[in-house]
Every structure is written in structure tokens, then in C-alpha cells.
Amino acid sequence: MLNCYGEKIKCKVFLTAFLDSSQRWFEKLEPQSIQSFAEFKQVFLQHFSSSKRYKKTAYSLFEVKQLGEEFLRTYIKNFNKADLEVPTCAQETKITAFTQGLWEGEFFKSLVKKSPRTFEDLLARAEKYINMEEA
């Protein structure tokens, strides 16, 4: 929208979007140290590039592990939370990541003996083990 306006307008409008750390960063800039909006954009992006959140991939699901004697319900909750951050993931990959993250209890053994066809099937089977844990 701002492309039809001059650099002075772009800079003034851009400044209204600053909050907290970006506002403090801007206030520390030397007066007239930046000569154009393009230069300002480059300096800004260089400074804040480490804050950028990157899209997660299916590989990040393999990082979710069931901790020690953590309840299965808690592990499923943590796994599903991580899964929501992954835009796309094949059923097979999700099942494999979930299974590899389990500690070697009875539920793990049942999944190794008979692999579920879908993640929903896996969750249905998990419900039985959750009921046993909580009983």
C-alpha cells in the first residue's frame, strides 16, 4: 500500500508499528545515520533477523519425547501441540515420530507389534492405555 508514497512517508508510517525492543532499538540510532528507506529496511532486518520464527517441519516431531514415567496423556498433548506447528505431515511420518518418542512401555510394544494405519487409530488405541494409567 505504501509503495505509491515517498520515503519520508514510508519511514513515518513504519515507525508507528514499533513496539518494545524495536522502539528502543530505533531510539538508539544515531540521528541521520540512515539515508533511505531501503537502507533503513536492511539495517532493521539485519538487527532483528534472529527473532524471526521459522516454519517447523515434520522432522521437529521427532524431537518430542516421552520423559521418563510421564503419563501417556501428557505425551500425546505435547506431541499434538508440536504437530499443530507443522503445516503438513504424512500420516506415516507422524506415526513413526510418535512411536519413536515413546518410552518402551506396554503401549510402545503394542505399536511395534501391530502398527496403526492412521494417527486417529493410534490415538484410539492410546485411550485404552491412558485409562489403565489413570485407573
C-alpha atoms as a PDB file:
ATOM      1  CA  MET A   1       0.000   0.000   0.000  1.00  0.00           C
ATOM      2  CA  LEU A   2       2.798   2.414   0.794  1.00  0.00           C
ATOM      3  CA  ASN A   3       4.692   1.924  -2.463  1.00  0.00           C
ATOM      4  CA  CYS A   4       2.998   4.950  -4.067  1.00  0.00           C
ATOM      5  CA  TYR A   5       4.315   7.276  -1.318  1.00  0.00           C
ATOM      6  CA  GLY A   6       7.749   8.796  -0.846  1.00  0.00           C
ATOM      7  CA  GLU A   7      10.404   7.517   1.522  1.00  0.00           C
ATOM      8  CA  LYS A   8       9.653  10.065   4.256  1.00  0.00           C
ATOM      9  CA  ILE A   9       6.036   8.880   4.484  1.00  0.00           C
ATOM     10  CA  LYS A  10       7.109   5.213   4.440  1.00  0.00           C
ATOM     11  CA  CYS A  11       9.515   5.804   7.332  1.00  0.00           C
ATOM     12  CA  LYS A  12       6.984   7.693   9.435  1.00  0.00           C
ATOM     13  CA  VAL A  13       4.276   5.059   8.917  1.00  0.00           C
ATOM     14  CA  PHE A  14       6.728   2.222   9.577  1.00  0.00           C
ATOM     15  CA  LEU A  15       7.750   3.802  12.877  1.00  0.00           C
ATOM     16  CA  THR A  16       4.187   3.608  14.210  1.00  0.00           C
ATOM     17  CA  ALA A  17       4.421  -0.197  14.133  1.00  0.00           C
ATOM     18  CA  PHE A  18       7.360  -0.327  16.570  1.00  0.00           C
ATOM     19  CA  LEU A  19       6.822  -1.858  19.989  1.00  0.00           C
ATOM     20  CA  ASP A  20       9.112  -2.545  22.960  1.00  0.00           C
ATOM     21  CA  SER A  21      12.542  -3.719  21.751  1.00  0.00           C
ATOM     22  CA  SER A  22      12.164  -2.340  18.236  1.00  0.00           C
ATOM     23  CA  GLN A  23      11.234   1.075  19.664  1.00  0.00           C
ATOM     24  CA  ARG A  24      14.271   1.035  21.987  1.00  0.00           C
ATOM     25  CA  TRP A  25      16.499  -0.018  19.075  1.00  0.00           C
ATOM     26  CA  PHE A  26      15.199   2.829  16.937  1.00  0.00           C
ATOM     27  CA  GLU A  27      15.738   5.394  19.691  1.00  0.00           C
ATOM     28  CA  LYS A  28      19.412   4.354  19.948  1.00  0.00           C
ATOM     29  CA  LEU A  29      20.102   5.006  16.250  1.00  0.00           C
ATOM     30  CA  GLU A  30      22.364   7.971  15.591  1.00  0.00           C
ATOM     31  CA  PRO A  31      20.444  10.915  14.070  1.00  0.00           C
ATOM     32  CA  GLN A  32      20.680  10.962  10.268  1.00  0.00           C
ATOM     33  CA  SER A  33      22.681   7.711  10.252  1.00  0.00           C
ATOM     34  CA  ILE A  34      20.321   6.219   7.676  1.00  0.00           C
ATOM     35  CA  GLN A  35      19.780   7.939   4.340  1.00  0.00           C
ATOM     36  CA  SER A  36      16.963   5.944   2.677  1.00  0.00           C
ATOM     37  CA  PHE A  37      14.072   3.641   3.423  1.00  0.00           C
ATOM     38  CA  ALA A  38      15.907   0.806   1.629  1.00  0.00           C
ATOM     39  CA  GLU A  39      18.903   1.278   3.937  1.00  0.00           C
ATOM     40  CA  PHE A  40      16.610   1.506   6.978  1.00  0.00           C
ATOM     41  CA  LYS A  41      14.871  -1.714   5.959  1.00  0.00           C
ATOM     42  CA  GLN A  42      18.212  -3.514   5.546  1.00  0.00           C
ATOM     43  CA  VAL A  43      19.550  -2.350   8.937  1.00  0.00           C
ATOM     44  CA  PHE A  44      16.274  -3.229  10.659  1.00  0.00           C
ATOM     45  CA  LEU A  45      16.124  -6.728   9.153  1.00  0.00           C
ATOM     46  CA  GLN A  46      19.767  -7.421   9.980  1.00  0.00           C
ATOM     47  CA  HIS A  47      19.234  -6.446  13.588  1.00  0.00           C
ATOM     48  CA  PHE A  48      16.030  -8.448  14.126  1.00  0.00           C
ATOM     49  CA  SER A  49      16.608 -11.447  11.828  1.00  0.00           C
ATOM     50  CA  SER A  50      17.448 -13.699  14.796  1.00  0.00           C
ATOM     51  CA  SER A  51      13.949 -13.066  16.203  1.00  0.00           C
ATOM     52  CA  LYS A  52      12.249 -14.490  13.129  1.00  0.00           C
ATOM     53  CA  ARG A  53      10.203 -17.638  13.709  1.00  0.00           C
ATOM     54  CA  TYR A  54      10.801 -20.308  11.127  1.00  0.00           C
ATOM     55  CA  LYS A  55       8.243 -22.800   9.920  1.00  0.00           C
ATOM     56  CA  LYS A  56       8.621 -26.153  11.556  1.00  0.00           C
ATOM     57  CA  THR A  57       8.892 -29.316   9.513  1.00  0.00           C
ATOM     58  CA  ALA A  58       7.876 -32.887  10.195  1.00  0.00           C
ATOM     59  CA  TYR A  59      11.419 -33.506  11.463  1.00  0.00           C
ATOM     60  CA  SER A  60      10.625 -31.416  14.541  1.00  0.00           C
ATOM     61  CA  LEU A  61       8.081 -34.058  15.599  1.00  0.00           C
ATOM     62  CA  PHE A  62      10.968 -36.462  16.166  1.00  0.00           C
ATOM     63  CA  GLU A  63      12.242 -34.139  18.902  1.00  0.00           C
ATOM     64  CA  VAL A  64       9.169 -34.731  21.077  1.00  0.00           C
ATOM     65  CA  LYS A  65       9.978 -37.417  23.634  1.00  0.00           C
ATOM     66  CA  GLN A  66       8.033 -39.002  26.469  1.00  0.00           C
ATOM     67  CA  LEU A  67      10.002 -38.137  29.574  1.00  0.00           C
ATOM     68  CA  GLY A  68      10.715 -40.973  31.994  1.00  0.00           C
ATOM     69  CA  GLU A  69       7.463 -42.003  33.603  1.00  0.00           C
ATOM     70  CA  GLU A  70       5.493 -39.147  32.003  1.00  0.00           C
ATOM     71  CA  PHE A  71       1.836 -40.055  31.585  1.00  0.00           C
ATOM     72  CA  LEU A  72       0.764 -41.031  28.084  1.00  0.00           C
ATOM     73  CA  ARG A  73      -1.944 -38.340  28.101  1.00  0.00           C
ATOM     74  CA  THR A  74       0.712 -35.661  28.726  1.00  0.00           C
ATOM     75  CA  TYR A  75       2.937 -37.021  25.954  1.00  0.00           C
ATOM     76  CA  ILE A  76       0.035 -37.007  23.492  1.00  0.00           C
ATOM     77  CA  LYS A  77      -0.801 -33.436  24.484  1.00  0.00           C
ATOM     78  CA  ASN A  78       2.819 -32.348  23.900  1.00  0.00           C
ATOM     79  CA  PHE A  79       3.031 -34.234  20.609  1.00  0.00           C
ATOM     80  CA  ASN A  80      -0.229 -32.745  19.317  1.00  0.00           C
ATOM     81  CA  LYS A  81       0.935 -29.262  20.293  1.00  0.00           C
ATOM     82  CA  ALA A  82       4.122 -29.762  18.239  1.00  0.00           C
ATOM     83  CA  ASP A  83       2.082 -31.233  15.377  1.00  0.00           C
ATOM     84  CA  LEU A  84      -0.040 -28.073  15.171  1.00  0.00           C
ATOM     85  CA  GLU A  85       3.105 -26.091  14.335  1.00  0.00           C
ATOM     86  CA  VAL A  86       3.888 -28.344  11.350  1.00  0.00           C
ATOM     87  CA  PRO A  87       1.968 -27.236   8.241  1.00  0.00           C
ATOM     88  CA  THR A  88       1.915 -30.659   6.546  1.00  0.00           C
ATOM     89  CA  CYS A  89       2.958 -34.100   7.629  1.00  0.00           C
ATOM     90  CA  ALA A  90       2.273 -37.548   6.185  1.00  0.00           C
ATOM     91  CA  GLN A  91       0.369 -39.973   8.448  1.00  0.00           C
ATOM     92  CA  GLU A  92       3.211 -42.487   8.288  1.00  0.00           C
ATOM     93  CA  THR A  93       5.769 -39.893   9.386  1.00  0.00           C
ATOM     94  CA  LYS A  94       3.552 -38.714  12.232  1.00  0.00           C
ATOM     95  CA  ILE A  95       3.009 -42.275  13.463  1.00  0.00           C
ATOM     96  CA  THR A  96       6.730 -43.049  13.249  1.00  0.00           C
ATOM     97  CA  ALA A  97       7.712 -39.859  15.097  1.00  0.00           C
ATOM     98  CA  PHE A  98       5.119 -40.505  17.797  1.00  0.00           C
ATOM     99  CA  THR A  99       6.220 -44.121  18.257  1.00  0.00           C
ATOM    100  CA  GLN A 100       9.924 -43.247  18.383  1.00  0.00           C
ATOM    101  CA  GLY A 101       9.221 -40.651  21.054  1.00  0.00           C
ATOM    102  CA  LEU A 102       7.538 -43.128  23.397  1.00  0.00           C
ATOM    103  CA  TRP A 103       9.437 -44.772  26.204  1.00  0.00           C
ATOM    104  CA  GLU A 104       9.474 -48.552  25.925  1.00  0.00           C
ATOM    105  CA  GLY A 105       6.339 -49.376  27.883  1.00  0.00           C
ATOM    106  CA  GLU A 106       3.370 -51.573  27.088  1.00  0.00           C
ATOM    107  CA  PHE A 107       1.838 -49.122  24.615  1.00  0.00           C
ATOM    108  CA  PHE A 108       5.118 -48.854  22.698  1.00  0.00           C
ATOM    109  CA  LYS A 109       5.306 -52.647  22.490  1.00  0.00           C
ATOM    110  CA  SER A 110       1.741 -52.877  21.174  1.00  0.00           C
ATOM    111  CA  LEU A 111       2.516 -50.317  18.428  1.00  0.00           C
ATOM    112  CA  VAL A 112       5.629 -52.218  17.403  1.00  0.00           C
ATOM    113  CA  LYS A 113       3.675 -55.494  17.237  1.00  0.00           C
ATOM    114  CA  LYS A 114       0.862 -54.015  15.186  1.00  0.00           C
ATOM    115  CA  SER A 115       1.448 -50.657  13.545  1.00  0.00           C
ATOM    116  CA  PRO A 116      -1.645 -48.411  13.327  1.00  0.00           C
ATOM    117  CA  ARG A 117      -2.923 -47.468   9.871  1.00  0.00           C
ATOM    118  CA  THR A 118      -3.782 -43.873  10.809  1.00  0.00           C
ATOM    119  CA  PHE A 119      -2.873 -41.451  13.550  1.00  0.00           C
ATOM    120  CA  GLU A 120      -6.508 -41.481  14.687  1.00  0.00           C
ATOM    121  CA  ASP A 121      -6.255 -45.270  15.059  1.00  0.00           C
ATOM    122  CA  LEU A 122      -3.119 -44.760  17.162  1.00  0.00           C
ATOM    123  CA  LEU A 123      -4.933 -42.261  19.423  1.00  0.00           C
ATOM    124  CA  ALA A 124      -7.897 -44.631  19.838  1.00  0.00           C
ATOM    125  CA  ARG A 125      -5.533 -47.393  20.914  1.00  0.00           C
ATOM    126  CA  ALA A 126      -3.732 -44.969  23.249  1.00  0.00           C
ATOM    127  CA  GLU A 127      -7.011 -44.202  25.037  1.00  0.00           C
ATOM    128  CA  LYS A 128      -7.115 -47.753  26.432  1.00  0.00           C
ATOM    129  CA  TYR A 129      -3.620 -47.375  27.887  1.00  0.00           C
ATOM    130  CA  ILE A 130      -4.450 -43.929  29.256  1.00  0.00           C
ATOM    131  CA  ASN A 131      -7.452 -45.408  31.088  1.00  0.00           C
ATOM    132  CA  MET A 132      -5.195 -48.115  32.582  1.00  0.00           C
ATOM    133  CA  GLU A 133      -2.636 -45.498  33.725  1.00  0.00           C
ATOM    134  CA  GLU A 134      -5.279 -43.330  35.344  1.00  0.00           C
ATOM    135  CA  ALA A 135      -7.181 -46.197  36.979  1.00  0.00           C
END
